[in-house]
Structures are given as C-alpha cells and as structure tokens.
Amino acid sequence: MTEPSAKKQQSALKYRRVLLKISGEALMGDGQYGIDNDTCKRIAGEVKDARDLGAEISLVIGGGNIFRGVSPAAQGMERASADYMGMLATVMNALAVQNALEAIGVYTRVLSAIEMTAICEPYIRRRALRHMEKGRIVIFAAGTGNPFFTTDTAAALRAAEMGCDALLKGTQVDGVYSADPKTDPNAERFDRLSYHEVLMRDLKVMDQAAISLTRESGIPIVVFPIGERGGVVGALTGQGPSTVITDEAP
C-alpha cells in the first residue's frame, strides 16, 4: 500500500536530485551573527519534508553569520588567509545543520573540501554520490577548498559534480528582483530569467562564476524564500513562489 503512495509523491517533484544553497545569514534568525537554534531546526524540518517526498538533497551553507563576527580581525589580513577563515565558518554551520537534521531522524554526512577527519569526511565525489543514493543528506563544507572562490561557486561546482537537476538558492525574498525590494518599492520581480539576462543586468543572485558554471552544466537555478514554511518543497515541486533561471523557453 505504501509503494504507490511513494511513487505518487516522487511524481510530484519537478526536480529529483538538487543542491540547496543557504547563506550563513539564514541561520542567524533575528540575531546579528551566530546560529539561532530555532531557525536551524526549522530549516532542518524543511529539508526533511523535501527528503520525505523522495528528493535526493545536498547542501552548501555559507559562513557569513560566523565570519561576520570575526571579520574585523581579518581586516588588513592576506586575502587567502581570510578566505580560509571563512571556509572554517562553513564547517561550523555544516555541523550545526547536521546536528539539527539528525535530531529529527535524518541521516546526514558532512564532506569537507579541507580534510578534518576527526569531525567530518573528506570530499570524494563518488562517496558523496553513494551517500545521496542511500537517501542521506550530504552537506558540502569548506567551499571548494581554495581561496578566492565563494560558496556560490562551490554550490555550482558541487551541483555539477553530483549531476543535480537544479540548484535551489534560498533567500530572504520570494525570487529575483531588479533591485532590493526592501529599499526600492518599484523593484520588478521576475518569474523567469535566462542566465544571460542575469549576467547582463548584473542581478545579485549569485556571483558570475557560479552563474557561468550552472549555464555550462545546464543546471537551472531556482531562487525561493527560505524563510517561508514549505519553501523548499514549493521550489522542488514548482508550486511555491520562486524565480527560475534557465536558458529553456518558458
């Protein structure tokens, strides 16, 4: 009796294997920096709901919520050293989200681009794919392992390596706008964009390297509100508010 139900749930998915990119700031809640436990638990619940629909999910989490607190110490520091500090912040966030997911019964693995075998696994592409095939949530930490690359670029790279159907970008608004809707009441919202339009308009969705990489790999970017209940499932099924970036015709 459960098998037809599972197939029906999977058929509702517009994208089956996805990478979810979350900024570190999304974990702050109402705080100025750090990790808000309630917010972390809510996001973990969203990911579980999506996994329960039959999606294969991996995550990349930024480090701005932690690095913001130490950034004054990084002023005047060599760029590479400051970037490595930011990578360590992403590992801390990955462990926090892993803990929140496992507290609700979701098997999770953290794979780091910088070896830290005492706390997480080293990133190996085939190992990551196997974890996802077994239904585990995979969290990619420490960016690409190299300075001068953002976590947006790391998300695009891992999405390509995992053969993802889409890259889901969780934001504080319900899609992509021509300007910041919080400060510009005349900002235009887009339901659909091409990669070329994003680059030409210099829309602040992801950095240009990430946009170019997803374009080359043919991976749609779905920008959706991470702060709304059901936002992740809505992005996966195409039924929630979002902006889809792709070169395919509407």
Foldseek 3Di string as FASTA:
>chain_A
DVVVVLVVLLVLFPWAEEEEEEELVQQQVPHPADGDLVSLLLLLVLVVVSLSSRHQYEYFYWQCRPLVVVVVVCVVPDQFVSLQVRLVSRVVVVVSSCVSNVVVPAAEFEEECDDDPVRHHHDDLVVSLVCSVVSHYYYYGSQNVGTPDGNLLSSLVSCLSNVTQAYEYADQDAEFWLDPCVVDVPIDGAQEEELVCCVVSVTPPDDNNNSVSCQVSQHKYKYGHSPDRNTSVCSRSVNGRTYIYGPDDD
